């Protein structure tokens, strides 16, 4: 039977190195646990670095993806507070407010997206428009103003969305409805006919045209 004697005079460097390895193992396990999901990752980073707008926005974005809209709002407010000139936090905050049925709070953030985009286009060389966000913002503002009965503003924003993505039939249909509600039947029919030109099998557009022409 072999016996082992414990060395009483182990070098201090060895003891420190061993303790460091154990500490790193614990920290690595904790990181793996905390960062096991996008929400946990960005919530953790945002919590430790509250001034990082990107981390706070990414936390909110992950929560939106998980349909935790109310939980996303504090992170997105933090992102906007940290850097109010970034487009994405305003857009995400508008979405989060809409999903919690707070249209009043959502509206100014969608408006801010367009203001920032216009500012960046005018003064920043090499800036590229985020078409997905801008189209979504224009269409959403069109819907919000339509719900408020402010049809001129709704029409303006629907047209803004279609200027960037003319193939989006749902937005063109909403524009046609806005024209109809404004008493501009001929313009409504024109938009519906454009829908048919882009998609001849669109039965909804064909029915809507017949209804408007038979009024």
Protein backbone atom coordinates (compact mmCIF):
# COMPACT_ATOMS: atom_id res chain seq x y z
CA UNK A 1 0.00 0.00 0.00
CA UNK A 2 1.43 3.32 -1.07
CA UNK A 3 1.17 6.34 1.12
CA UNK A 4 1.43 9.92 0.02
CA UNK A 5 2.83 12.67 2.13
CA UNK A 6 1.37 16.13 1.84
CA UNK A 7 4.01 18.67 1.07
CA UNK A 8 3.73 21.46 3.56
CA UNK A 9 5.83 23.94 1.66
CA UNK A 10 4.11 24.14 -1.72
CA UNK A 11 5.20 27.21 -3.65
CA UNK A 12 2.93 30.20 -3.19
CA UNK A 13 2.70 30.58 -6.97
CA UNK A 14 1.27 27.05 -7.26
CA UNK A 15 -1.39 27.72 -4.63
CA UNK A 16 -2.40 30.99 -6.30
CA UNK A 17 -2.52 29.32 -9.72
CA UNK A 18 -4.72 26.49 -8.41
CA UNK A 19 -7.11 28.94 -6.76
CA UNK A 20 -7.29 30.94 -9.99
CA UNK A 21 -8.13 27.85 -12.04
CA UNK A 22 -10.93 26.94 -9.63
CA UNK A 23 -12.27 30.49 -9.74
CA UNK A 24 -12.27 30.54 -13.53
CA UNK A 25 -14.11 27.23 -13.59
CA UNK A 26 -16.83 28.66 -11.35
CA UNK A 27 -17.05 31.86 -13.39
CA UNK A 28 -17.20 29.92 -16.67
CA UNK A 29 -20.04 27.79 -15.34
CA UNK A 30 -21.88 30.89 -14.17
CA UNK A 31 -21.42 32.57 -17.59
CA UNK A 32 -22.75 29.47 -19.33
CA UNK A 33 -25.77 29.46 -17.05
CA UNK A 34 -26.47 33.19 -17.32
CA UNK A 35 -25.91 33.36 -21.09
CA UNK A 36 -27.91 30.25 -21.90
CA UNK A 37 -30.52 32.32 -23.80
CA UNK A 38 -30.36 35.63 -25.71
CA UNK A 39 -32.62 37.26 -23.12
CA UNK A 40 -30.38 36.18 -20.26
CA UNK A 41 -27.21 37.18 -22.12
CA UNK A 42 -28.22 40.71 -22.99
CA UNK A 43 -30.08 41.29 -19.72
CA UNK A 44 -26.90 40.35 -17.88
CA UNK A 45 -24.69 42.60 -20.02
CA UNK A 46 -27.18 45.45 -19.82
CA UNK A 47 -27.43 45.08 -16.05
CA UNK A 48 -23.68 45.32 -15.63
CA UNK A 49 -23.25 48.11 -18.19
CA UNK A 50 -26.39 50.26 -18.00
CA UNK A 51 -24.88 52.90 -20.32
CA UNK A 52 -24.53 50.44 -23.19
CA UNK A 53 -27.47 51.26 -25.44
CA UNK A 54 -26.76 48.31 -27.71
CA UNK A 55 -26.88 45.79 -24.87
CA UNK A 56 -30.13 47.23 -23.51
CA UNK A 57 -31.69 47.27 -26.97
CA UNK A 58 -30.64 43.69 -27.63
CA UNK A 59 -32.16 42.62 -24.31
CA UNK A 60 -35.42 44.29 -25.28
CA UNK A 61 -35.28 42.82 -28.76
CA UNK A 62 -34.81 39.31 -27.34
CA UNK A 63 -37.77 39.82 -25.00
CA UNK A 64 -39.93 40.98 -27.92
CA UNK A 65 -38.92 37.86 -29.83
CA UNK A 66 -40.10 35.87 -26.81
CA UNK A 67 -43.38 37.86 -26.80
CA UNK A 68 -42.57 39.37 -23.40
CA UNK A 69 -43.50 42.85 -24.55
CA UNK A 70 -44.10 44.50 -21.18
CA UNK A 71 -40.79 43.15 -19.88
CA UNK A 72 -38.99 44.58 -22.91
CA UNK A 73 -40.10 48.16 -22.31
CA UNK A 74 -37.75 49.04 -19.37
CA UNK A 75 -34.71 47.79 -21.31
CA UNK A 76 -35.69 49.73 -24.42
CA UNK A 77 -36.32 52.89 -22.41
CA UNK A 78 -32.82 52.46 -20.98
CA UNK A 79 -31.43 52.08 -24.50
CA UNK A 80 -33.17 55.27 -25.69
CA UNK A 81 -31.97 57.15 -22.61
CA UNK A 82 -28.39 55.99 -23.21
CA UNK A 83 -28.40 57.00 -26.90
CA UNK A 84 -31.51 58.69 -28.24
CA UNK A 85 -30.10 58.97 -31.78
CA UNK A 86 -30.23 55.26 -32.56
CA UNK A 87 -33.11 54.09 -34.75
CA UNK A 88 -33.57 50.52 -33.59
CA UNK A 89 -34.38 51.15 -29.88
CA UNK A 90 -37.12 53.62 -30.85
CA UNK A 91 -38.57 51.15 -33.35
CA UNK A 92 -38.48 48.26 -30.88
CA UNK A 93 -40.02 50.44 -28.17
CA UNK A 94 -42.83 51.42 -30.54
CA UNK A 95 -43.49 47.74 -31.25
CA UNK A 96 -43.45 46.84 -27.55
CA UNK A 97 -45.94 49.61 -26.73
CA UNK A 98 -48.21 48.57 -29.59
CA UNK A 99 -48.20 44.97 -28.40
CA UNK A 100 -49.26 46.15 -24.95
CA UNK A 101 -52.05 48.20 -26.58
CA UNK A 102 -50.47 51.55 -25.68
CA UNK A 103 -50.81 53.35 -29.01
CA UNK A 104 -50.35 56.78 -27.45
CA UNK A 105 -46.87 55.89 -26.18
CA UNK A 106 -45.97 54.03 -29.38
CA UNK A 107 -46.66 56.90 -31.80
CA UNK A 108 -43.81 59.30 -30.87
CA UNK A 109 -41.20 56.56 -31.08
CA UNK A 110 -42.23 55.63 -34.62
CA UNK A 111 -42.17 59.33 -35.50
CA UNK A 112 -38.67 59.58 -34.04
CA UNK A 113 -37.47 56.70 -36.24
CA UNK A 114 -38.29 58.71 -39.36
CA UNK A 115 -36.76 61.91 -37.96
CA UNK A 116 -33.50 60.15 -37.13
CA UNK A 117 -33.43 58.42 -40.51
CA UNK A 118 -33.91 61.72 -42.35
CA UNK A 119 -31.19 63.35 -40.26
CA UNK A 120 -28.71 60.54 -40.90
CA UNK A 121 -29.42 60.50 -44.62
CA UNK A 122 -28.77 64.22 -44.82
CA UNK A 123 -25.61 64.45 -42.77
CA UNK A 124 -23.79 61.12 -42.57
CA UNK A 125 -21.71 59.94 -45.49
CA UNK A 126 -22.15 56.25 -46.16
CA UNK A 127 -25.30 55.87 -44.03
CA UNK A 128 -27.51 53.08 -45.36
CA UNK A 129 -31.24 53.15 -44.66
CA UNK A 130 -32.61 50.19 -42.76
CA UNK A 131 -35.38 49.53 -45.27
CA UNK A 132 -37.08 46.88 -43.14
CA UNK A 133 -37.40 49.25 -40.19
CA UNK A 134 -38.36 52.30 -42.25
CA UNK A 135 -41.00 50.43 -44.27
CA UNK A 136 -42.40 48.93 -41.08
CA UNK A 137 -42.45 52.35 -39.43
CA UNK A 138 -44.21 54.06 -42.34
CA UNK A 139 -46.82 51.30 -42.56
CA UNK A 140 -47.40 51.29 -38.80
CA UNK A 141 -47.80 55.07 -38.68
CA UNK A 142 -50.29 54.75 -41.53
CA UNK A 143 -52.28 52.25 -39.49
CA UNK A 144 -52.13 54.37 -36.33
CA UNK A 145 -53.32 57.51 -38.08
CA UNK A 146 -56.02 55.53 -39.88
CA UNK A 147 -57.32 54.28 -36.54
CA UNK A 148 -57.39 57.89 -35.35
CA UNK A 149 -59.33 58.95 -38.42
CA UNK A 150 -56.48 61.17 -39.61
CA UNK A 151 -56.66 59.94 -43.17
CA UNK A 152 -54.37 62.52 -44.79
CA UNK A 153 -51.52 61.46 -42.51
CA UNK A 154 -52.37 57.79 -43.00
CA UNK A 155 -52.21 58.21 -46.78
CA UNK A 156 -48.89 60.06 -46.52
CA UNK A 157 -47.25 57.24 -44.57
CA UNK A 158 -48.72 54.42 -46.63
CA UNK A 159 -47.31 56.12 -49.72
CA UNK A 160 -43.97 56.45 -47.93
CA UNK A 161 -43.90 52.70 -47.30
CA UNK A 162 -44.86 51.88 -50.88
CA UNK A 163 -42.18 54.20 -52.26
CA UNK A 164 -39.65 51.83 -50.68
CA UNK A 165 -41.49 48.53 -51.22
CA UNK A 166 -44.13 48.89 -53.96
CA UNK A 167 -44.77 45.14 -54.03
CA UNK A 168 -46.35 45.02 -50.56
CA UNK A 169 -50.01 44.40 -51.35
CA UNK A 170 -51.26 44.68 -47.77
CA UNK A 171 -50.01 48.26 -47.52
CA UNK A 172 -51.43 49.14 -50.94
CA UNK A 173 -54.80 47.73 -49.86
CA UNK A 174 -54.68 49.87 -46.70
CA UNK A 175 -53.88 52.90 -48.86
CA UNK A 176 -56.90 52.12 -51.05
CA UNK A 177 -59.09 51.92 -47.96
CA UNK A 178 -57.72 55.25 -46.73
CA UNK A 179 -58.55 56.85 -50.07
CA UNK A 180 -62.04 55.37 -49.92
CA UNK A 181 -62.61 56.69 -46.40
CA UNK A 182 -61.43 60.11 -47.60
CA UNK A 183 -64.02 60.09 -50.41
CA UNK A 184 -61.32 59.62 -53.09
CA UNK A 185 -62.91 56.65 -54.82
CA UNK A 186 -61.01 56.99 -58.10
CA UNK A 187 -57.66 56.90 -56.30
CA UNK A 188 -58.82 53.90 -54.28
CA UNK A 189 -59.73 52.03 -57.47
CA UNK A 190 -56.40 52.98 -59.00
CA UNK A 191 -54.49 51.41 -56.11
CA UNK A 192 -56.60 48.26 -56.27
CA UNK A 193 -55.99 47.99 -60.01
CA UNK A 194 -52.27 48.27 -59.35
CA UNK A 195 -52.62 45.38 -56.92
CA UNK A 196 -54.22 43.34 -59.71
CA UNK A 197 -51.46 44.30 -62.12
CA UNK A 198 -48.86 43.03 -59.65
CA UNK A 199 -50.91 39.96 -58.77
CA UNK A 200 -53.67 39.10 -61.26
CA UNK A 201 -54.96 36.31 -59.01
CA UNK A 202 -55.79 38.72 -56.14
CA UNK A 203 -59.53 38.06 -55.71
CA UNK A 204 -59.85 40.47 -52.80
CA UNK A 205 -58.67 43.39 -54.90
CA UNK A 206 -60.98 42.36 -57.75
CA UNK A 207 -64.00 42.22 -55.42
CA UNK A 208 -63.12 45.58 -53.87
CA UNK A 209 -62.92 47.20 -57.31
CA UNK A 210 -66.38 45.88 -58.27
CA UNK A 211 -67.84 47.11 -54.98
CA UNK A 212 -66.40 50.60 -55.41
CA UNK A 213 -67.50 50.89 -59.03
CA UNK A 214 -71.04 49.78 -58.14
CA UNK A 215 -71.51 52.29 -55.35
